[in-house]
Amino acid sequence: MTTQRAGSRAKSRNWTSTQQNVLSPEEVKTRLRERGLTLKQWAEQNKYPYDTVSCVVRGVNRGTFGLGYRIAVELGLKSKEPA
């Protein structure tokens, strides 16, 4: 029983450390602006539907799996590591 607790504490520690690299939607928009790109341009360059990219950045699509997840990872909104 003690081993399980230590393991779950270690997992949560690892999870928070990987989350430090994750950007907020505002940070994503700022970085795109700094590179002179709009969301639509980024979506076209990466061959994603603009409406899906917009929904991921706005939080309508939580990006937990599938296309939304791939977009969130590429934008830096989510870590590649499984939660």
C-alpha atoms as a PDB file:
ATOM      1  CA  MET A   1       0.000   0.000   0.000  1.00  0.00           C
ATOM      2  CA  THR A   2       2.840   2.407   0.746  1.00  0.00           C
ATOM      3  CA  THR A   3       4.409   1.726  -2.657  1.00  0.00           C
ATOM      4  CA  GLN A   4       1.211   2.757  -4.451  1.00  0.00           C
ATOM      5  CA  ARG A   5       1.113   6.066  -2.622  1.00  0.00           C
ATOM      6  CA  ALA A   6       4.713   6.841  -3.416  1.00  0.00           C
ATOM      7  CA  GLY A   7       4.064   5.925  -7.047  1.00  0.00           C
ATOM      8  CA  SER A   8       1.051   8.187  -7.339  1.00  0.00           C
ATOM      9  CA  ARG A   9       2.939  11.048  -5.719  1.00  0.00           C
ATOM     10  CA  ALA A  10       5.763  10.561  -8.197  1.00  0.00           C
ATOM     11  CA  LYS A  11       3.308  10.560 -11.088  1.00  0.00           C
ATOM     12  CA  SER A  12       1.674  13.772  -9.951  1.00  0.00           C
ATOM     13  CA  ARG A  13       5.103  15.372  -9.518  1.00  0.00           C
ATOM     14  CA  ASN A  14       6.035  14.359 -13.069  1.00  0.00           C
ATOM     15  CA  TRP A  15       2.704  15.623 -14.379  1.00  0.00           C
ATOM     16  CA  THR A  16       3.200  19.077 -12.905  1.00  0.00           C
ATOM     17  CA  SER A  17       6.754  19.279 -14.181  1.00  0.00           C
ATOM     18  CA  THR A  18       5.630  18.532 -17.760  1.00  0.00           C
ATOM     19  CA  GLN A  19       2.855  21.085 -17.424  1.00  0.00           C
ATOM     20  CA  GLN A  20       5.399  23.900 -16.984  1.00  0.00           C
ATOM     21  CA  ASN A  21       6.108  23.778 -20.723  1.00  0.00           C
ATOM     22  CA  VAL A  22       2.427  24.152 -21.596  1.00  0.00           C
ATOM     23  CA  LEU A  23       1.279  27.536 -22.862  1.00  0.00           C
ATOM     24  CA  SER A  24      -1.954  29.348 -22.130  1.00  0.00           C
ATOM     25  CA  PRO A  25      -4.219  30.325 -25.050  1.00  0.00           C
ATOM     26  CA  GLU A  26      -3.114  33.950 -24.625  1.00  0.00           C
ATOM     27  CA  GLU A  27       0.547  32.934 -24.808  1.00  0.00           C
ATOM     28  CA  VAL A  28      -0.133  30.944 -27.982  1.00  0.00           C
ATOM     29  CA  LYS A  29      -1.832  33.940 -29.603  1.00  0.00           C
ATOM     30  CA  THR A  30       1.003  36.243 -28.516  1.00  0.00           C
ATOM     31  CA  ARG A  31       3.663  33.917 -29.948  1.00  0.00           C
ATOM     32  CA  LEU A  32       1.792  33.663 -33.232  1.00  0.00           C
ATOM     33  CA  ARG A  33       1.483  37.468 -33.391  1.00  0.00           C
ATOM     34  CA  GLU A  34       5.224  37.817 -32.705  1.00  0.00           C
ATOM     35  CA  ARG A  35       5.875  35.551 -35.695  1.00  0.00           C
ATOM     36  CA  GLY A  36       3.470  37.616 -37.791  1.00  0.00           C
ATOM     37  CA  LEU A  37       0.897  34.831 -38.128  1.00  0.00           C
ATOM     38  CA  THR A  38      -2.826  34.699 -37.579  1.00  0.00           C
ATOM     39  CA  LEU A  39      -4.591  31.554 -36.392  1.00  0.00           C
ATOM     40  CA  LYS A  40      -5.966  31.112 -39.891  1.00  0.00           C
ATOM     41  CA  GLN A  41      -2.498  31.315 -41.453  1.00  0.00           C
ATOM     42  CA  TRP A  42      -1.102  28.858 -38.907  1.00  0.00           C
ATOM     43  CA  ALA A  43      -3.980  26.469 -39.599  1.00  0.00           C
ATOM     44  CA  GLU A  44      -3.408  26.656 -43.365  1.00  0.00           C
ATOM     45  CA  GLN A  45       0.364  26.163 -43.022  1.00  0.00           C
ATOM     46  CA  ASN A  46      -0.164  23.093 -40.844  1.00  0.00           C
ATOM     47  CA  LYS A  47      -3.079  21.769 -42.940  1.00  0.00           C
ATOM     48  CA  TYR A  48      -5.690  21.925 -40.164  1.00  0.00           C
ATOM     49  CA  PRO A  49      -9.234  23.274 -40.456  1.00  0.00           C
ATOM     50  CA  TYR A  50      -9.281  26.848 -39.151  1.00  0.00           C
ATOM     51  CA  ASP A  51     -12.530  26.363 -37.213  1.00  0.00           C
ATOM     52  CA  THR A  52     -11.042  23.425 -35.285  1.00  0.00           C
ATOM     53  CA  VAL A  53      -7.862  25.374 -34.465  1.00  0.00           C
ATOM     54  CA  SER A  54      -9.956  28.303 -33.277  1.00  0.00           C
ATOM     55  CA  CYS A  55     -12.128  26.044 -31.098  1.00  0.00           C
ATOM     56  CA  VAL A  56      -9.032  24.468 -29.505  1.00  0.00           C
ATOM     57  CA  VAL A  57      -7.463  27.847 -28.698  1.00  0.00           C
ATOM     58  CA  ARG A  58     -10.754  29.224 -27.322  1.00  0.00           C
ATOM     59  CA  GLY A  59     -11.301  26.111 -25.199  1.00  0.00           C
ATOM     60  CA  VAL A  60     -14.503  25.014 -26.937  1.00  0.00           C
ATOM     61  CA  ASN A  61     -12.667  21.882 -28.102  1.00  0.00           C
ATOM     62  CA  ARG A  62     -10.678  20.694 -25.090  1.00  0.00           C
ATOM     63  CA  GLY A  63      -8.149  18.860 -27.242  1.00  0.00           C
ATOM     64  CA  THR A  64      -8.276  15.649 -25.237  1.00  0.00           C
ATOM     65  CA  PHE A  65      -8.002  13.285 -28.217  1.00  0.00           C
ATOM     66  CA  GLY A  66      -7.939  13.103 -31.989  1.00  0.00           C
ATOM     67  CA  LEU A  67      -7.468  16.144 -34.180  1.00  0.00           C
ATOM     68  CA  GLY A  68      -8.060  18.600 -31.340  1.00  0.00           C
ATOM     69  CA  TYR A  69      -5.327  16.939 -29.286  1.00  0.00           C
ATOM     70  CA  ARG A  70      -2.840  17.036 -32.184  1.00  0.00           C
ATOM     71  CA  ILE A  71      -3.560  20.740 -32.705  1.00  0.00           C
ATOM     72  CA  ALA A  72      -3.226  21.491 -28.972  1.00  0.00           C
ATOM     73  CA  VAL A  73       0.135  19.689 -28.831  1.00  0.00           C
ATOM     74  CA  GLU A  74       1.492  21.496 -31.916  1.00  0.00           C
ATOM     75  CA  LEU A  75       0.407  24.866 -30.536  1.00  0.00           C
ATOM     76  CA  GLY A  76       1.914  24.071 -27.130  1.00  0.00           C
ATOM     77  CA  LEU A  77      -1.381  24.046 -25.255  1.00  0.00           C
ATOM     78  CA  LYS A  78      -0.842  20.427 -24.170  1.00  0.00           C
ATOM     79  CA  SER A  79       2.106  18.218 -23.441  1.00  0.00           C
ATOM     80  CA  LYS A  80       2.857  15.240 -25.691  1.00  0.00           C
ATOM     81  CA  GLU A  81       3.130  13.068 -22.602  1.00  0.00           C
ATOM     82  CA  PRO A  82      -0.039  11.240 -21.543  1.00  0.00           C
ATOM     83  CA  ALA A  83      -1.655  12.634 -18.397  1.00  0.00           C
END
